[in-house]
Amino acid sequence: MSSALAFGILLVLGGLGGVVYGLYALFRGGRGQSGGIGPLPERGVHMIAGVRMLAVGALVLAAGVYVLWSYFS
């Protein structure tokens, strides 16, 4: 197995994990919890983290797809 193939698979899996975790944080995170950071409630903190994880996960997923596409073409 080539190192480019292994790196592409690793990026795709990591990107999928980031996207799934980001979606979970957006839809489920912070419900029924009290607390937070200053003026932001716990739900708001999870919304910010979910958007950030979703964006980074999508970028990593796109990079992995690009690496695999360049490997197979």
N, C-alpha and C. Protein backbone atom coordinates (compact mmCIF):
# COMPACT_ATOMS: atom_id res chain seq x y z
N MET A 1 0.85 -1.18 0.00
CA MET A 1 0.00 0.00 0.00
C MET A 1 0.90 1.24 0.00
N SER A 2 0.59 2.15 -0.87
CA SER A 2 1.35 3.38 -0.98
C SER A 2 1.04 4.30 0.19
N SER A 3 1.99 5.15 0.51
CA SER A 3 1.77 6.08 1.62
C SER A 3 0.72 7.13 1.25
N ALA A 4 0.62 7.48 -0.04
CA ALA A 4 -0.40 8.45 -0.45
C ALA A 4 -1.80 7.86 -0.28
N LEU A 5 -1.94 6.58 -0.59
CA LEU A 5 -3.23 5.93 -0.42
C LEU A 5 -3.62 5.87 1.06
N ALA A 6 -2.67 5.49 1.89
CA ALA A 6 -2.93 5.41 3.33
C ALA A 6 -3.25 6.78 3.90
N PHE A 7 -2.53 7.81 3.46
CA PHE A 7 -2.78 9.17 3.95
C PHE A 7 -4.14 9.66 3.49
N GLY A 8 -4.53 9.35 2.25
CA GLY A 8 -5.84 9.74 1.74
C GLY A 8 -6.96 9.08 2.51
N ILE A 9 -6.81 7.79 2.80
CA ILE A 9 -7.82 7.08 3.59
C ILE A 9 -7.91 7.66 4.99
N LEU A 10 -6.77 7.97 5.59
CA LEU A 10 -6.76 8.57 6.92
C LEU A 10 -7.45 9.93 6.92
N LEU A 11 -7.19 10.75 5.90
CA LEU A 11 -7.84 12.05 5.81
C LEU A 11 -9.35 11.91 5.63
N VAL A 12 -9.78 10.98 4.80
CA VAL A 12 -11.22 10.78 4.58
C VAL A 12 -11.90 10.33 5.87
N LEU A 13 -11.29 9.40 6.57
CA LEU A 13 -11.89 8.92 7.83
C LEU A 13 -11.91 10.02 8.88
N GLY A 14 -10.83 10.77 8.98
CA GLY A 14 -10.80 11.89 9.92
C GLY A 14 -11.80 12.97 9.57
N GLY A 15 -11.95 13.25 8.28
CA GLY A 15 -12.93 14.24 7.85
C GLY A 15 -14.35 13.80 8.13
N LEU A 16 -14.65 12.53 7.87
CA LEU A 16 -15.98 12.01 8.19
C LEU A 16 -16.26 12.09 9.68
N GLY A 17 -15.26 11.76 10.49
CA GLY A 17 -15.42 11.87 11.94
C GLY A 17 -15.68 13.31 12.37
N GLY A 18 -14.97 14.26 11.79
CA GLY A 18 -15.18 15.67 12.12
C GLY A 18 -16.56 16.16 11.71
N VAL A 19 -17.01 15.75 10.52
CA VAL A 19 -18.33 16.16 10.05
C VAL A 19 -19.43 15.57 10.94
N VAL A 20 -19.31 14.29 11.27
CA VAL A 20 -20.33 13.65 12.10
C VAL A 20 -20.34 14.25 13.50
N TYR A 21 -19.17 14.49 14.08
CA TYR A 21 -19.12 15.07 15.42
C TYR A 21 -19.63 16.51 15.41
N GLY A 22 -19.33 17.26 14.35
CA GLY A 22 -19.83 18.61 14.23
C GLY A 22 -21.35 18.65 14.13
N LEU A 23 -21.92 17.74 13.34
CA LEU A 23 -23.38 17.66 13.24
C LEU A 23 -24.01 17.26 14.57
N TYR A 24 -23.36 16.35 15.28
CA TYR A 24 -23.86 15.96 16.60
C TYR A 24 -23.85 17.15 17.55
N ALA A 25 -22.77 17.92 17.54
CA ALA A 25 -22.70 19.08 18.43
C ALA A 25 -23.74 20.13 18.05
N LEU A 26 -24.04 20.25 16.77
CA LEU A 26 -25.05 21.23 16.35
C LEU A 26 -26.46 20.81 16.76
N PHE A 27 -26.78 19.55 16.59
CA PHE A 27 -28.15 19.11 16.81
C PHE A 27 -28.43 18.62 18.23
N ARG A 28 -27.43 18.08 18.94
CA ARG A 28 -27.68 17.47 20.24
C ARG A 28 -26.95 18.14 21.39
N GLY A 29 -25.81 18.75 21.11
CA GLY A 29 -24.94 19.23 22.18
C GLY A 29 -25.53 20.36 23.00
N GLY A 30 -25.34 20.29 24.29
CA GLY A 30 -25.71 21.36 25.20
C GLY A 30 -27.15 21.39 25.62
N ARG A 31 -27.96 20.47 25.18
CA ARG A 31 -29.38 20.49 25.58
C ARG A 31 -29.53 19.98 27.00
N GLY A 32 -30.28 20.70 27.78
CA GLY A 32 -30.54 20.28 29.14
C GLY A 32 -29.37 20.48 30.08
N GLN A 33 -28.38 21.28 29.69
CA GLN A 33 -27.23 21.53 30.55
C GLN A 33 -27.22 22.99 30.96
N SER A 34 -26.76 23.23 32.14
CA SER A 34 -26.64 24.62 32.60
C SER A 34 -25.16 24.99 32.59
N GLY A 35 -24.91 26.27 32.65
CA GLY A 35 -23.54 26.74 32.64
C GLY A 35 -23.21 27.42 31.33
N GLY A 36 -21.94 27.56 31.07
CA GLY A 36 -21.51 28.20 29.84
C GLY A 36 -20.24 28.99 30.06
N ILE A 37 -19.92 29.81 29.07
CA ILE A 37 -18.72 30.64 29.15
C ILE A 37 -19.17 32.09 29.11
N GLY A 38 -19.16 32.76 30.22
CA GLY A 38 -19.55 34.16 30.28
C GLY A 38 -21.00 34.35 29.83
N PRO A 39 -21.20 35.23 28.84
CA PRO A 39 -22.57 35.48 28.39
C PRO A 39 -23.14 34.38 27.49
N LEU A 40 -22.30 33.47 27.03
CA LEU A 40 -22.78 32.40 26.15
C LEU A 40 -23.32 31.23 26.97
N PRO A 41 -24.54 30.81 26.71
CA PRO A 41 -25.04 29.60 27.38
C PRO A 41 -24.37 28.36 26.82
N GLU A 42 -24.57 27.24 27.48
CA GLU A 42 -23.95 25.98 27.07
C GLU A 42 -24.34 25.60 25.64
N ARG A 43 -25.59 25.84 25.27
CA ARG A 43 -26.05 25.53 23.91
C ARG A 43 -25.30 26.37 22.87
N GLY A 44 -25.06 27.63 23.20
CA GLY A 44 -24.32 28.51 22.30
C GLY A 44 -22.88 28.06 22.10
N VAL A 45 -22.26 27.59 23.17
CA VAL A 45 -20.90 27.08 23.07
C VAL A 45 -20.85 25.87 22.15
N HIS A 46 -21.85 24.98 22.27
CA HIS A 46 -21.89 23.81 21.40
C HIS A 46 -22.19 24.19 19.95
N MET A 47 -22.95 25.24 19.73
CA MET A 47 -23.21 25.69 18.37
C MET A 47 -21.94 26.20 17.71
N ILE A 48 -21.16 26.98 18.44
CA ILE A 48 -19.90 27.50 17.90
C ILE A 48 -18.94 26.35 17.62
N ALA A 49 -18.83 25.43 18.56
CA ALA A 49 -17.93 24.29 18.37
C ALA A 49 -18.41 23.39 17.24
N GLY A 50 -19.71 23.22 17.11
CA GLY A 50 -20.24 22.38 16.04
C GLY A 50 -19.98 22.96 14.67
N VAL A 51 -20.14 24.27 14.52
CA VAL A 51 -19.86 24.91 13.23
C VAL A 51 -18.38 24.78 12.90
N ARG A 52 -17.53 24.99 13.90
CA ARG A 52 -16.08 24.89 13.67
C ARG A 52 -15.68 23.46 13.30
N MET A 53 -16.21 22.47 14.01
CA MET A 53 -15.89 21.07 13.68
C MET A 53 -16.42 20.68 12.32
N LEU A 54 -17.59 21.17 11.97
CA LEU A 54 -18.17 20.86 10.67
C LEU A 54 -17.32 21.46 9.55
N ALA A 55 -16.86 22.69 9.72
CA ALA A 55 -16.04 23.34 8.70
C ALA A 55 -14.69 22.64 8.54
N VAL A 56 -14.03 22.36 9.65
CA VAL A 56 -12.72 21.69 9.58
C VAL A 56 -12.88 20.27 9.05
N GLY A 57 -13.91 19.56 9.48
CA GLY A 57 -14.15 18.21 8.99
C GLY A 57 -14.40 18.19 7.49
N ALA A 58 -15.15 19.18 6.98
CA ALA A 58 -15.40 19.25 5.55
C ALA A 58 -14.12 19.54 4.77
N LEU A 59 -13.27 20.40 5.31
CA LEU A 59 -11.99 20.69 4.65
C LEU A 59 -11.08 19.46 4.62
N VAL A 60 -11.02 18.75 5.73
CA VAL A 60 -10.18 17.54 5.79
C VAL A 60 -10.74 16.47 4.88
N LEU A 61 -12.06 16.32 4.84
CA LEU A 61 -12.68 15.36 3.95
C LEU A 61 -12.38 15.70 2.49
N ALA A 62 -12.48 16.98 2.13
CA ALA A 62 -12.16 17.40 0.76
C ALA A 62 -10.70 17.13 0.43
N ALA A 63 -9.81 17.37 1.37
CA ALA A 63 -8.39 17.09 1.14
C ALA A 63 -8.16 15.60 0.94
N GLY A 64 -8.83 14.77 1.72
CA GLY A 64 -8.69 13.32 1.56
C GLY A 64 -9.21 12.83 0.23
N VAL A 65 -10.35 13.37 -0.19
CA VAL A 65 -10.90 13.00 -1.50
C VAL A 65 -9.94 13.43 -2.61
N TYR A 66 -9.35 14.61 -2.47
CA TYR A 66 -8.39 15.08 -3.48
C TYR A 66 -7.16 14.17 -3.54
N VAL A 67 -6.63 13.79 -2.39
CA VAL A 67 -5.46 12.91 -2.36
C VAL A 67 -5.79 11.55 -2.98
N LEU A 68 -6.95 11.00 -2.64
CA LEU A 68 -7.33 9.71 -3.24
C LEU A 68 -7.59 9.85 -4.74
N TRP A 69 -8.22 10.93 -5.15
CA TRP A 69 -8.47 11.16 -6.57
C TRP A 69 -7.16 11.27 -7.36
N SER A 70 -6.20 12.01 -6.79
CA SER A 70 -4.91 12.14 -7.48
C SER A 70 -4.14 10.83 -7.47
N TYR A 71 -4.34 10.00 -6.46
CA TYR A 71 -3.65 8.70 -6.41
C TYR A 71 -4.20 7.76 -7.48
N PHE A 72 -5.52 7.72 -7.64
CA PHE A 72 -6.12 6.77 -8.57
C PHE A 72 -6.17 7.27 -10.01
N SER A 73 -5.88 8.54 -10.25
CA SER A 73 -5.92 9.01 -11.63
C SER A 73 -4.53 9.18 -12.22
